[in-house]
Every structure is written in C-alpha cells, then in structure tokens.
Amino acid sequence: MLKKILILLIGIVLMSFNFQNNEETYSLTIIVKDLRNSTGVVQFALYNKKGSVPDEKYQKYYKKSTVFINDNSATITFNNLPKAKYAINILHDENENGKIDKRFFLPKEGIGFSNYKSIGLRNRPKFSKASFNLDDNMTKIVTVIYM
C-alpha cells in the first residue's frame, strides 16, 4: 500500500512539471530621442488593456519604470512580457515629481505615446491607436511631444 501511494505521489509531482506555464515571453525595448534637455528623468508606462490610455494619473498601467536621461535620450527594456497587445506612454518628467504638470490644461513637460507623432484635439491618445501586437522581441521609438 505504501509503495502504491509513493508511486502515485511521484506521478503527481512529475505531471505537475509538465503543466508549468511554458508561455513564451518577449522583450520590448523603448527608445526616446530628441528630448529638449537632459534634466530630470523619463517615465515609461506600459499598458495592456483597452480603455487604459490616456492615464494622466498613472493608475492603469501594466508596468512602469523611470530611467535617467543621457544625451537627451533614454532607453528601457521590459523583459518577460507575454504575447499581447500593448501601448506605451512616456513622460519627460523634468522636475521628477512623477506626474504630468500642466499649464492651461496642456502638459508643460514632454509626453509621448506609441504610434503617435503629434497630439491635438482631433488626435487624442487612446489605446486602440497607440497599441501594437507584441509577438516577438521588439524595439519601439516613441516621439516626445512638447506643447
């Protein structure tokens, strides 16, 4: 009886190894160039859900990280990302307070979104336009916009 229980336990343990998550993951490198200066940091926010962009208070992101600026540019790589649809939001946070500072309802600091070269009343950020499929390792360049 003990032998049967031991064999059963060994079988369960071996089967559990086969059911581990073998989902492929990818890396996403994001590059921001042509910042107006090297003051402050660049905050990178990655989104993976419809309706999460725009996110002015940075509450709906999937992953977020801050990087120091070098020669008016910044780069980050997010690793181990599952295959999915993502959107990127960047903030050139010149005063390093972690939020979008505004003047007359417009950002005072540089902002940017994947797939956007400009932002305006007819071109407001939204997840459907900013998103892209990540199904391989990828590099995206995000344009910083100063208003």
N, C-alpha and C. Protein backbone atom coordinates (compact mmCIF):
# COMPACT_ATOMS: atom_id res chain seq x y z
N MET A 1 0.83 -1.19 0.00
CA MET A 1 0.00 0.00 0.00
C MET A 1 0.87 1.26 0.00
N LEU A 2 1.90 1.27 0.82
CA LEU A 2 2.82 2.41 0.89
C LEU A 2 3.51 2.62 -0.44
N LYS A 3 3.85 1.51 -1.10
CA LYS A 3 4.52 1.60 -2.40
C LYS A 3 3.60 2.25 -3.44
N LYS A 4 2.30 1.89 -3.43
CA LYS A 4 1.34 2.48 -4.37
C LYS A 4 1.18 3.98 -4.12
N ILE A 5 1.12 4.38 -2.86
CA ILE A 5 0.98 5.81 -2.52
C ILE A 5 2.22 6.57 -2.98
N LEU A 6 3.39 6.00 -2.76
CA LEU A 6 4.64 6.63 -3.17
C LEU A 6 4.69 6.80 -4.69
N ILE A 7 4.30 5.76 -5.43
CA ILE A 7 4.28 5.83 -6.90
C ILE A 7 3.27 6.90 -7.36
N LEU A 8 2.13 6.95 -6.71
CA LEU A 8 1.11 7.94 -7.04
C LEU A 8 1.64 9.36 -6.79
N LEU A 9 2.30 9.57 -5.67
CA LEU A 9 2.86 10.89 -5.35
C LEU A 9 3.95 11.29 -6.35
N ILE A 10 4.80 10.36 -6.72
CA ILE A 10 5.85 10.63 -7.70
C ILE A 10 5.21 10.99 -9.04
N GLY A 11 4.16 10.29 -9.43
CA GLY A 11 3.45 10.58 -10.67
C GLY A 11 2.83 11.96 -10.66
N ILE A 12 2.24 12.35 -9.55
CA ILE A 12 1.64 13.68 -9.43
C ILE A 12 2.71 14.76 -9.55
N VAL A 13 3.84 14.56 -8.88
CA VAL A 13 4.93 15.54 -8.95
C VAL A 13 5.45 15.66 -10.37
N LEU A 14 5.66 14.55 -11.05
CA LEU A 14 6.16 14.58 -12.42
C LEU A 14 5.15 15.23 -13.36
N MET A 15 3.87 14.98 -13.17
CA MET A 15 2.85 15.59 -14.01
C MET A 15 2.78 17.10 -13.78
N SER A 16 3.02 17.54 -12.56
CA SER A 16 2.95 18.98 -12.28
C SER A 16 4.05 19.73 -13.02
N PHE A 17 5.19 19.09 -13.25
CA PHE A 17 6.25 19.73 -14.02
C PHE A 17 5.81 19.95 -15.47
N ASN A 18 5.02 19.05 -16.01
CA ASN A 18 4.56 19.18 -17.39
C ASN A 18 3.50 20.27 -17.55
N PHE A 19 2.81 20.64 -16.47
CA PHE A 19 1.76 21.64 -16.56
C PHE A 19 2.23 23.03 -16.18
N GLN A 20 3.51 23.22 -15.97
CA GLN A 20 4.02 24.55 -15.67
C GLN A 20 3.78 25.45 -16.87
N ASN A 21 3.70 26.75 -16.61
CA ASN A 21 3.45 27.72 -17.66
C ASN A 21 4.66 27.80 -18.59
N ASN A 22 4.48 27.31 -19.81
CA ASN A 22 5.55 27.34 -20.80
C ASN A 22 5.30 28.44 -21.83
N GLU A 23 4.51 29.44 -21.47
CA GLU A 23 4.19 30.53 -22.37
C GLU A 23 5.46 31.29 -22.73
N GLU A 24 5.61 31.55 -24.01
CA GLU A 24 6.77 32.31 -24.45
C GLU A 24 6.62 33.75 -24.00
N THR A 25 7.75 34.36 -23.67
CA THR A 25 7.75 35.77 -23.32
C THR A 25 8.74 36.51 -24.22
N TYR A 26 8.55 37.81 -24.28
CA TYR A 26 9.34 38.63 -25.19
C TYR A 26 9.87 39.86 -24.47
N SER A 27 10.82 40.52 -25.12
CA SER A 27 11.34 41.77 -24.58
C SER A 27 10.89 42.91 -25.48
N LEU A 28 10.66 44.06 -24.86
CA LEU A 28 10.27 45.27 -25.57
C LEU A 28 11.23 46.38 -25.16
N THR A 29 12.00 46.86 -26.12
CA THR A 29 12.91 47.98 -25.87
C THR A 29 12.24 49.24 -26.40
N ILE A 30 12.23 50.28 -25.56
CA ILE A 30 11.62 51.55 -25.93
C ILE A 30 12.70 52.62 -25.90
N ILE A 31 12.77 53.38 -27.00
CA ILE A 31 13.77 54.43 -27.14
C ILE A 31 13.07 55.77 -27.29
N VAL A 32 13.54 56.76 -26.56
CA VAL A 32 13.05 58.13 -26.67
C VAL A 32 14.26 59.00 -26.98
N LYS A 33 14.20 59.73 -28.10
CA LYS A 33 15.29 60.60 -28.53
C LYS A 33 14.80 62.05 -28.60
N ASP A 34 15.74 62.94 -28.79
CA ASP A 34 15.43 64.35 -29.04
C ASP A 34 14.64 65.02 -27.92
N LEU A 35 14.96 64.65 -26.68
CA LEU A 35 14.38 65.38 -25.55
C LEU A 35 14.95 66.80 -25.57
N ARG A 36 14.20 67.77 -25.08
CA ARG A 36 14.68 69.15 -25.17
C ARG A 36 15.85 69.44 -24.24
N ASN A 37 16.09 68.56 -23.28
CA ASN A 37 17.25 68.69 -22.39
C ASN A 37 17.46 67.35 -21.68
N SER A 38 18.49 67.30 -20.85
CA SER A 38 18.77 66.08 -20.08
C SER A 38 18.39 66.24 -18.62
N THR A 39 17.50 67.17 -18.35
CA THR A 39 17.03 67.44 -16.99
C THR A 39 15.97 66.42 -16.60
N GLY A 40 16.04 65.92 -15.39
CA GLY A 40 15.02 65.02 -14.88
C GLY A 40 15.19 63.59 -15.34
N VAL A 41 14.05 62.92 -15.52
CA VAL A 41 14.02 61.51 -15.89
C VAL A 41 12.93 61.29 -16.94
N VAL A 42 12.93 60.11 -17.53
CA VAL A 42 11.83 59.71 -18.41
C VAL A 42 11.10 58.57 -17.72
N GLN A 43 9.80 58.75 -17.61
CA GLN A 43 8.94 57.72 -17.03
C GLN A 43 8.29 56.96 -18.18
N PHE A 44 8.46 55.65 -18.17
CA PHE A 44 7.90 54.77 -19.19
C PHE A 44 6.76 53.98 -18.56
N ALA A 45 5.58 54.05 -19.15
CA ALA A 45 4.44 53.27 -18.67
C ALA A 45 3.96 52.38 -19.82
N LEU A 46 3.73 51.13 -19.51
CA LEU A 46 3.30 50.14 -20.49
C LEU A 46 1.89 49.70 -20.11
N TYR A 47 0.99 49.67 -21.10
CA TYR A 47 -0.42 49.34 -20.88
C TYR A 47 -0.79 48.12 -21.71
N ASN A 48 -1.73 47.32 -21.18
CA ASN A 48 -2.15 46.12 -21.90
C ASN A 48 -3.66 45.91 -21.91
N LYS A 49 -4.43 46.97 -21.62
CA LYS A 49 -5.89 46.82 -21.59
C LYS A 49 -6.57 47.96 -22.32
N LYS A 50 -7.59 47.62 -23.06
CA LYS A 50 -8.41 48.61 -23.75
C LYS A 50 -8.98 49.58 -22.71
N GLY A 51 -8.97 50.87 -23.04
CA GLY A 51 -9.50 51.87 -22.12
C GLY A 51 -8.50 52.38 -21.09
N SER A 52 -7.29 51.88 -21.12
CA SER A 52 -6.30 52.30 -20.12
C SER A 52 -5.54 53.56 -20.53
N VAL A 53 -5.62 53.93 -21.80
CA VAL A 53 -4.94 55.12 -22.30
C VAL A 53 -6.01 56.09 -22.77
N PRO A 54 -5.93 57.37 -22.38
CA PRO A 54 -4.89 58.03 -21.59
C PRO A 54 -5.03 57.71 -20.10
N ASP A 55 -3.96 57.94 -19.37
CA ASP A 55 -3.89 57.63 -17.95
C ASP A 55 -3.07 58.72 -17.26
N GLU A 56 -3.63 59.90 -17.16
CA GLU A 56 -2.89 61.06 -16.65
C GLU A 56 -2.36 60.89 -15.24
N LYS A 57 -3.03 60.09 -14.42
CA LYS A 57 -2.60 59.91 -13.02
C LYS A 57 -1.79 58.62 -12.83
N TYR A 58 -1.50 57.94 -13.92
CA TYR A 58 -0.70 56.71 -13.89
C TYR A 58 -1.24 55.70 -12.87
N GLN A 59 -2.49 55.30 -13.09
CA GLN A 59 -3.13 54.32 -12.22
C GLN A 59 -3.53 53.04 -12.94
N LYS A 60 -3.47 53.03 -14.29
CA LYS A 60 -3.96 51.89 -15.06
C LYS A 60 -2.87 51.11 -15.78
N TYR A 61 -1.62 51.42 -15.50
CA TYR A 61 -0.52 50.80 -16.24
C TYR A 61 -0.31 49.34 -15.86
N TYR A 62 0.30 48.61 -16.77
CA TYR A 62 0.68 47.22 -16.55
C TYR A 62 2.06 47.17 -15.90
N LYS A 63 2.99 47.94 -16.45
CA LYS A 63 4.34 48.07 -15.88
C LYS A 63 4.78 49.51 -16.05
N LYS A 64 5.58 49.97 -15.10
CA LYS A 64 6.08 51.34 -15.15
C LYS A 64 7.50 51.37 -14.61
N SER A 65 8.34 52.21 -15.22
CA SER A 65 9.71 52.35 -14.77
C SER A 65 10.22 53.73 -15.14
N THR A 66 11.19 54.20 -14.38
CA THR A 66 11.79 55.51 -14.60
C THR A 66 13.26 55.33 -14.91
N VAL A 67 13.74 56.12 -15.90
CA VAL A 67 15.12 55.98 -16.38
C VAL A 67 15.77 57.37 -16.44
N PHE A 68 17.05 57.43 -16.09
CA PHE A 68 17.79 58.68 -16.21
C PHE A 68 18.05 58.99 -17.67
N ILE A 69 18.19 60.26 -17.97
CA ILE A 69 18.41 60.73 -19.34
C ILE A 69 19.90 60.85 -19.59
N ASN A 70 20.31 60.44 -20.78
CA ASN A 70 21.70 60.56 -21.19
C ASN A 70 21.74 61.16 -22.59
N ASP A 71 22.38 62.31 -22.75
CA ASP A 71 22.47 62.97 -24.06
C ASP A 71 21.11 63.17 -24.71
N ASN A 72 20.16 63.69 -23.94
CA ASN A 72 18.81 64.00 -24.42
C ASN A 72 18.05 62.79 -24.96
N SER A 73 18.35 61.61 -24.44
CA SER A 73 17.62 60.41 -24.84
C SER A 73 17.57 59.43 -23.66
N ALA A 74 16.66 58.48 -23.77
CA ALA A 74 16.51 57.46 -22.72
C ALA A 74 16.02 56.17 -23.37
N THR A 75 16.44 55.06 -22.79
CA THR A 75 16.07 53.74 -23.31
C THR A 75 15.77 52.82 -22.14
N ILE A 76 14.78 51.96 -22.35
CA ILE A 76 14.45 50.94 -21.35
C ILE A 76 14.07 49.66 -22.07
N THR A 77 14.27 48.54 -21.42
CA THR A 77 13.81 47.26 -21.93
C THR A 77 12.95 46.59 -20.87
N PHE A 78 11.71 46.27 -21.24
CA PHE A 78 10.84 45.46 -20.40
C PHE A 78 11.00 44.03 -20.87
N ASN A 79 11.34 43.13 -19.95
CA ASN A 79 11.56 41.73 -20.28
C ASN A 79 10.42 40.86 -19.78
N ASN A 80 10.37 39.64 -20.28
CA ASN A 80 9.40 38.63 -19.84
C ASN A 80 7.95 39.07 -20.01
N LEU A 81 7.67 39.71 -21.14
CA LEU A 81 6.30 40.13 -21.43
C LEU A 81 5.59 39.04 -22.23
N PRO A 82 4.39 38.67 -21.82
CA PRO A 82 3.65 37.68 -22.61
C PRO A 82 3.14 38.30 -23.91
N LYS A 83 2.85 37.44 -24.85
CA LYS A 83 2.27 37.88 -26.13
C LYS A 83 0.95 38.59 -25.82
N ALA A 84 0.84 39.83 -26.31
CA ALA A 84 -0.36 40.62 -26.04
C ALA A 84 -0.32 41.90 -26.86
N LYS A 85 -1.36 42.67 -26.70
CA LYS A 85 -1.44 44.00 -27.30
C LYS A 85 -1.02 44.99 -26.21
N TYR A 86 -0.08 45.90 -26.55
CA TYR A 86 0.45 46.87 -25.59
C TYR A 86 0.40 48.27 -26.18
N ALA A 87 0.43 49.25 -25.30
CA ALA A 87 0.58 50.66 -25.67
C ALA A 87 1.59 51.27 -24.71
N ILE A 88 2.32 52.28 -25.20
CA ILE A 88 3.37 52.92 -24.41
C ILE A 88 3.00 54.38 -24.19
N ASN A 89 3.26 54.86 -22.98
CA ASN A 89 3.14 56.28 -22.64
C ASN A 89 4.45 56.69 -21.99
N ILE A 90 5.03 57.79 -22.45
CA ILE A 90 6.24 58.30 -21.81
C ILE A 90 5.99 59.71 -21.30
N LEU A 91 6.74 60.07 -20.28
CA LEU A 91 6.70 61.42 -19.71
C LEU A 91 8.13 61.87 -19.48
N HIS A 92 8.51 63.01 -20.07
CA HIS A 92 9.80 63.63 -19.75
C HIS A 92 9.55 64.43 -18.49
N ASP A 93 9.78 63.78 -17.37
CA ASP A 93 9.49 64.34 -16.05
C ASP A 93 10.67 65.20 -15.59
N GLU A 94 10.69 66.44 -16.05
CA GLU A 94 11.82 67.31 -15.80
C GLU A 94 12.03 67.63 -14.32
N ASN A 95 10.95 67.72 -13.55
CA ASN A 95 11.11 68.02 -12.12
C ASN A 95 11.01 66.77 -11.24
N GLU A 96 10.94 65.61 -11.86
CA GLU A 96 10.96 64.31 -11.16
C GLU A 96 9.89 64.16 -10.09
N ASN A 97 8.69 64.67 -10.36
CA ASN A 97 7.62 64.52 -9.37
C ASN A 97 6.65 63.39 -9.71
N GLY A 98 6.89 62.69 -10.84
CA GLY A 98 6.09 61.52 -11.19
C GLY A 98 4.72 61.81 -11.75
N LYS A 99 4.45 63.06 -12.09
CA LYS A 99 3.13 63.38 -12.64
C LYS A 99 3.27 64.36 -13.79
N ILE A 100 2.19 64.47 -14.58
CA ILE A 100 2.17 65.38 -15.72
C ILE A 100 1.80 66.77 -15.21
N ASP A 101 2.76 67.67 -15.22
CA ASP A 101 2.49 69.06 -14.82
C ASP A 101 1.85 69.78 -15.99
N LYS A 102 0.87 70.64 -15.68
CA LYS A 102 0.13 71.32 -16.75
C LYS A 102 0.13 72.83 -16.58
N ARG A 103 -0.06 73.47 -17.72
CA ARG A 103 -0.25 74.92 -17.79
C ARG A 103 -1.41 75.12 -18.75
N PHE A 104 -2.50 75.73 -18.28
CA PHE A 104 -3.68 75.94 -19.11
C PHE A 104 -4.17 74.63 -19.75
N PHE A 105 -4.24 73.58 -18.97
CA PHE A 105 -4.74 72.27 -19.37
C PHE A 105 -3.80 71.50 -20.30
N LEU A 106 -2.69 72.09 -20.68
CA LEU A 106 -1.73 71.41 -21.55
C LEU A 106 -0.50 70.99 -20.76
N PRO A 107 0.09 69.87 -21.11
CA PRO A 107 1.30 69.43 -20.40
C PRO A 107 2.46 70.42 -20.58
N LYS A 108 3.15 70.73 -19.49
CA LYS A 108 4.34 71.59 -19.55
C LYS A 108 5.58 70.78 -19.92
N GLU A 109 5.53 69.48 -19.63
CA GLU A 109 6.66 68.60 -19.89
C GLU A 109 6.34 67.75 -21.12
N GLY A 110 7.36 67.12 -21.67
CA GLY A 110 7.16 66.29 -22.85
C GLY A 110 6.42 65.00 -22.54
N ILE A 111 5.52 64.63 -23.44
CA ILE A 111 4.80 63.37 -23.33
C ILE A 111 4.87 62.66 -24.68
N GLY A 112 4.56 61.40 -24.70
CA GLY A 112 4.55 60.66 -25.95
C GLY A 112 3.80 59.35 -25.80
N PHE A 113 3.30 58.85 -26.93
CA PHE A 113 2.57 57.59 -26.97
C PHE A 113 3.05 56.80 -28.17
N SER A 114 3.08 55.51 -28.05
CA SER A 114 3.42 54.67 -29.20
C SER A 114 2.43 54.97 -30.33
N ASN A 115 2.96 54.99 -31.55
CA ASN A 115 2.20 55.23 -32.77
C ASN A 115 1.68 56.66 -32.92
N TYR A 116 2.13 57.59 -32.11
CA TYR A 116 1.73 58.99 -32.22
C TYR A 116 2.94 59.86 -32.54
N LYS A 117 2.78 60.73 -33.52
CA LYS A 117 3.80 61.73 -33.85
C LYS A 117 3.37 63.11 -33.37
N SER A 118 2.06 63.28 -33.14
CA SER A 118 1.52 64.54 -32.64
C SER A 118 0.25 64.23 -31.84
N ILE A 119 -0.14 65.21 -31.03
CA ILE A 119 -1.35 65.09 -30.23
C ILE A 119 -2.12 66.40 -30.37
N GLY A 120 -3.41 66.31 -30.52
CA GLY A 120 -4.24 67.50 -30.64
C GLY A 120 -5.69 67.16 -30.35
N LEU A 121 -6.56 68.14 -30.53
CA LEU A 121 -7.98 67.93 -30.26
C LEU A 121 -8.56 66.80 -31.11
N ARG A 122 -8.08 66.67 -32.34
CA ARG A 122 -8.57 65.61 -33.22
C ARG A 122 -7.70 64.36 -33.20
N ASN A 123 -6.68 64.39 -32.42
CA ASN A 123 -5.74 63.25 -32.36
C ASN A 123 -5.39 62.96 -30.90
N ARG A 124 -6.40 62.75 -30.11
CA ARG A 124 -6.20 62.46 -28.68
C ARG A 124 -5.73 61.03 -28.48
N PRO A 125 -4.90 60.83 -27.49
CA PRO A 125 -4.40 59.47 -27.23
C PRO A 125 -5.52 58.51 -26.82
N LYS A 126 -5.47 57.31 -27.39
CA LYS A 126 -6.37 56.24 -26.97
C LYS A 126 -5.66 54.91 -27.22
N PHE A 127 -6.05 53.93 -26.45
CA PHE A 127 -5.39 52.62 -26.51
C PHE A 127 -5.47 52.01 -27.90
N SER A 128 -6.61 52.11 -28.54
CA SER A 128 -6.78 51.45 -29.85
C SER A 128 -5.78 51.96 -30.88
N LYS A 129 -5.45 53.25 -30.84
CA LYS A 129 -4.49 53.79 -31.81
C LYS A 129 -3.05 53.60 -31.34
N ALA A 130 -2.80 53.67 -30.04
CA ALA A 130 -1.45 53.57 -29.50
C ALA A 130 -0.96 52.12 -29.40
N SER A 131 -1.87 51.17 -29.48
CA SER A 131 -1.49 49.77 -29.22
C SER A 131 -0.85 49.09 -30.43
N PHE A 132 -0.12 48.05 -30.13
CA PHE A 132 0.57 47.22 -31.12
C PHE A 132 0.67 45.81 -30.56
N ASN A 133 0.81 44.84 -31.43
CA ASN A 133 0.94 43.44 -31.01
C ASN A 133 2.39 43.12 -30.71
N LEU A 134 2.62 42.53 -29.56
CA LEU A 134 3.95 42.04 -29.20
C LEU A 134 3.92 40.53 -29.30
N ASP A 135 4.55 40.00 -30.34
CA ASP A 135 4.61 38.55 -30.52
C ASP A 135 6.03 38.11 -30.90
N ASP A 136 6.97 39.00 -30.64
CA ASP A 136 8.40 38.75 -30.86
C ASP A 136 9.15 39.84 -30.11
N ASN A 137 10.45 39.68 -29.91
CA ASN A 137 11.23 40.75 -29.31
C ASN A 137 11.15 41.96 -30.22
N MET A 138 11.01 43.15 -29.64
CA MET A 138 10.72 44.33 -30.45
C MET A 138 11.39 45.57 -29.87
N THR A 139 11.67 46.52 -30.75
CA THR A 139 12.15 47.84 -30.35
C THR A 139 11.19 48.86 -30.92
N LYS A 140 10.73 49.79 -30.08
CA LYS A 140 9.82 50.87 -30.49
C LYS A 140 10.47 52.21 -30.15
N ILE A 141 10.40 53.14 -31.09
CA ILE A 141 10.85 54.51 -30.84
C ILE A 141 9.61 55.35 -30.62
N VAL A 142 9.58 56.07 -29.50
CA VAL A 142 8.42 56.92 -29.16
C VAL A 142 8.85 58.38 -29.31
N THR A 143 8.05 59.13 -30.03
CA THR A 143 8.31 60.56 -30.24
C THR A 143 7.83 61.35 -29.04
N VAL A 144 8.70 62.20 -28.52
CA VAL A 144 8.31 63.07 -27.41
C VAL A 144 7.69 64.34 -28.00
N ILE A 145 6.58 64.76 -27.39
CA ILE A 145 5.84 65.92 -27.88
C ILE A 145 5.81 66.96 -26.78
N TYR A 146 6.25 68.17 -27.12
CA TYR A 146 6.20 69.31 -26.20
C TYR A 146 5.13 70.26 -26.72
N MET A 147 4.22 70.65 -25.84
CA MET A 147 3.12 71.52 -26.27
C MET A 147 3.36 72.95 -25.83
